[in-house]
C-alpha atoms as a PDB file:
ATOM      1  CA  MET A   1     186.053 -80.114 107.265  1.00  0.00           C
ATOM      2  CA  SER A   2     183.921 -80.931 109.721  1.00  0.00           C
ATOM      3  CA  GLY A   3     186.690 -82.512 111.585  1.00  0.00           C
ATOM      4  CA  VAL A   4     188.807 -79.187 111.110  1.00  0.00           C
ATOM      5  CA  HIS A   5     188.695 -76.953 114.602  1.00  0.00           C
ATOM      6  CA  ASN A   6     188.119 -73.563 114.415  1.00  0.00           C
ATOM      7  CA  VAL A   7     191.148 -72.891 116.829  1.00  0.00           C
ATOM      8  CA  PHE A   8     193.804 -70.356 116.510  1.00  0.00           C
ATOM      9  CA  HIS A   9     197.303 -71.482 117.311  1.00  0.00           C
ATOM     10  CA  VAL A  10     199.852 -68.178 118.665  1.00  0.00           C
ATOM     11  CA  SER A  11     202.476 -70.378 117.289  1.00  0.00           C
ATOM     12  CA  LEU A  12     201.252 -69.321 113.714  1.00  0.00           C
ATOM     13  CA  LEU A  13     202.227 -66.020 114.506  1.00  0.00           C
ATOM     14  CA  ARG A  14     205.644 -64.560 113.027  1.00  0.00           C
ATOM     15  CA  LYS A  15     207.437 -61.320 113.568  1.00  0.00           C
ATOM     16  CA  TYR A  16     206.957 -58.495 111.494  1.00  0.00           C
ATOM     17  CA  VAL A  17     209.549 -57.509 108.948  1.00  0.00           C
ATOM     18  CA  PRO A  18     209.109 -53.613 108.688  1.00  0.00           C
ATOM     19  CA  ASP A  19     209.191 -53.200 104.836  1.00  0.00           C
ATOM     20  CA  ALA A  20     208.967 -49.149 102.940  1.00  0.00           C
ATOM     21  CA  SER A  21     206.136 -50.377 100.780  1.00  0.00           C
ATOM     22  CA  HIS A  22     203.843 -51.365 103.539  1.00  0.00           C
ATOM     23  CA  VAL A  23     203.495 -47.713 103.892  1.00  0.00           C
ATOM     24  CA  ILE A  24     200.057 -46.464 102.676  1.00  0.00           C
ATOM     25  CA  ASP A  25     200.050 -42.470 101.512  1.00  0.00           C
ATOM     26  CA  PHE A  26     196.804 -40.986 103.220  1.00  0.00           C
ATOM     27  CA  SER A  27     197.478 -37.849 101.388  1.00  0.00           C
ATOM     28  CA  TYR A  28     195.309 -38.252  98.223  1.00  0.00           C
ATOM     29  CA  ILE A  29     192.390 -39.189 100.795  1.00  0.00           C
ATOM     30  CA  LYS A  30     190.739 -36.590 102.890  1.00  0.00           C
ATOM     31  CA  VAL A  31     190.027 -37.776 105.782  1.00  0.00           C
ATOM     32  CA  ASN A  32     187.793 -36.488 108.661  1.00  0.00           C
ATOM     33  CA  ALA A  33     188.226 -35.290 112.338  1.00  0.00           C
ATOM     34  CA  ASP A  34     186.708 -38.847 112.989  1.00  0.00           C
ATOM     35  CA  ALA A  35     188.799 -41.093 110.896  1.00  0.00           C
ATOM     36  CA  THR A  36     185.867 -41.343 108.205  1.00  0.00           C
ATOM     37  CA  PHE A  37     186.182 -40.677 104.573  1.00  0.00           C
ATOM     38  CA  VAL A  38     183.788 -39.849 101.617  1.00  0.00           C
ATOM     39  CA  VAL A  39     183.708 -42.921  99.035  1.00  0.00           C
ATOM     40  CA  GLU A  40     181.977 -41.454  95.688  1.00  0.00           C
ATOM     41  CA  PRO A  41     181.100 -44.083  93.058  1.00  0.00           C
ATOM     42  CA  VAL A  42     183.499 -43.783  89.928  1.00  0.00           C
ATOM     43  CA  ARG A  43     181.583 -46.020  87.528  1.00  0.00           C
ATOM     44  CA  ILE A  44     178.735 -48.755  86.364  1.00  0.00           C
ATOM     45  CA  LEU A  45     180.639 -51.835  85.678  1.00  0.00           C
ATOM     46  CA  ASP A  46     177.597 -53.975  84.909  1.00  0.00           C
ATOM     47  CA  ARG A  47     173.585 -54.212  84.760  1.00  0.00           C
ATOM     48  CA  SER A  48     171.579 -56.924  85.881  1.00  0.00           C
ATOM     49  CA  THR A  49     168.089 -57.554  86.515  1.00  0.00           C
ATOM     50  CA  LYS A  50     166.935 -59.480  89.723  1.00  0.00           C
ATOM     51  CA  ARG A  51     163.409 -61.660  89.533  1.00  0.00           C
ATOM     52  CA  LEU A  52     161.544 -61.492  93.229  1.00  0.00           C
ATOM     53  CA  ARG A  53     157.989 -63.488  93.105  1.00  0.00           C
ATOM     54  CA  ARG A  54     155.930 -60.421  91.877  1.00  0.00           C
ATOM     55  CA  LYS A  55     158.329 -57.881  90.698  1.00  0.00           C
ATOM     56  CA  GLU A  56     161.839 -57.115  88.794  1.00  0.00           C
ATOM     57  CA  VAL A  57     164.466 -55.174  90.722  1.00  0.00           C
ATOM     58  CA  ASP A  58     167.375 -53.530  88.440  1.00  0.00           C
ATOM     59  CA  LEU A  59     170.474 -53.351  89.871  1.00  0.00           C
ATOM     60  CA  VAL A  60     173.893 -51.764  88.897  1.00  0.00           C
ATOM     61  CA  LYS A  61     177.666 -52.652  89.725  1.00  0.00           C
ATOM     62  CA  VAL A  62     179.145 -49.754  91.021  1.00  0.00           C
ATOM     63  CA  CYS A  63     183.104 -49.031  91.523  1.00  0.00           C
ATOM     64  CA  TRP A  64     183.664 -46.691  94.072  1.00  0.00           C
ATOM     65  CA  SER A  65     186.668 -44.337  94.765  1.00  0.00           C
ATOM     66  CA  HIS A  66     189.553 -45.652  96.636  1.00  0.00           C
ATOM     67  CA  HIS A  67     188.826 -49.297  96.246  1.00  0.00           C
ATOM     68  CA  ASP A  68     189.345 -51.572  93.008  1.00  0.00           C
ATOM     69  CA  GLU A  69     187.007 -53.648  90.762  1.00  0.00           C
ATOM     70  CA  GLY A  70     187.158 -56.618  93.265  1.00  0.00           C
ATOM     71  CA  ASP A  71     185.607 -54.569  95.930  1.00  0.00           C
ATOM     72  CA  ALA A  72     182.334 -53.457  93.472  1.00  0.00           C
ATOM     73  CA  SER A  73     178.904 -53.739  94.616  1.00  0.00           C
ATOM     74  CA  TRP A  74     175.488 -54.165  93.510  1.00  0.00           C
ATOM     75  CA  GLU A  75     173.126 -51.645  94.263  1.00  0.00           C
ATOM     76  CA  LEU A  76     169.679 -50.618  93.172  1.00  0.00           C
ATOM     77  CA  GLU A  77     169.894 -48.541  89.908  1.00  0.00           C
ATOM     78  CA  SER A  78     166.768 -46.502  90.720  1.00  0.00           C
ATOM     79  CA  VAL A  79     168.862 -45.445  94.078  1.00  0.00           C
ATOM     80  CA  MET A  80     172.039 -44.977  91.804  1.00  0.00           C
ATOM     81  CA  ARG A  81     170.078 -42.714  89.641  1.00  0.00           C
ATOM     82  CA  ALA A  82     168.594 -40.416  91.581  1.00  0.00           C
ATOM     83  CA  GLU A  83     171.849 -40.116  94.049  1.00  0.00           C
ATOM     84  CA  TYR A  84     174.292 -39.858  91.474  1.00  0.00           C
ATOM     85  CA  PRO A  85     172.727 -39.024  87.733  1.00  0.00           C
ATOM     86  CA  LYS A  86     176.126 -38.363  85.879  1.00  0.00           C
ATOM     87  CA  LEU A  87     177.141 -41.966  86.077  1.00  0.00           C
ATOM     88  CA  PHE A  88     174.227 -42.673  83.599  1.00  0.00           C
ATOM     89  CA  LEU A  89     175.110 -39.890  81.188  1.00  0.00           C
ATOM     90  CA  ASP A  90     174.880 -42.414  78.012  1.00  0.00           C
END
């Protein structure tokens, strides 16, 4: 891959063909006036412990609203417990 140049050519562009399935329905997402929206955690997918040099940090993999499981992120368990205790009702 070192011989491949990082160049984008205009000749690779194609004309966009409109399709009704490409329209995104934003009615279920509350968008603020500044074009932002609030994302809330939906559920915890996984747990892990990260070992550092002198301590261990507990992490949780969080699935967020308006996103699929592929967009889940690892967050600190202590922070998530403090901000969203409803996720940890076991």
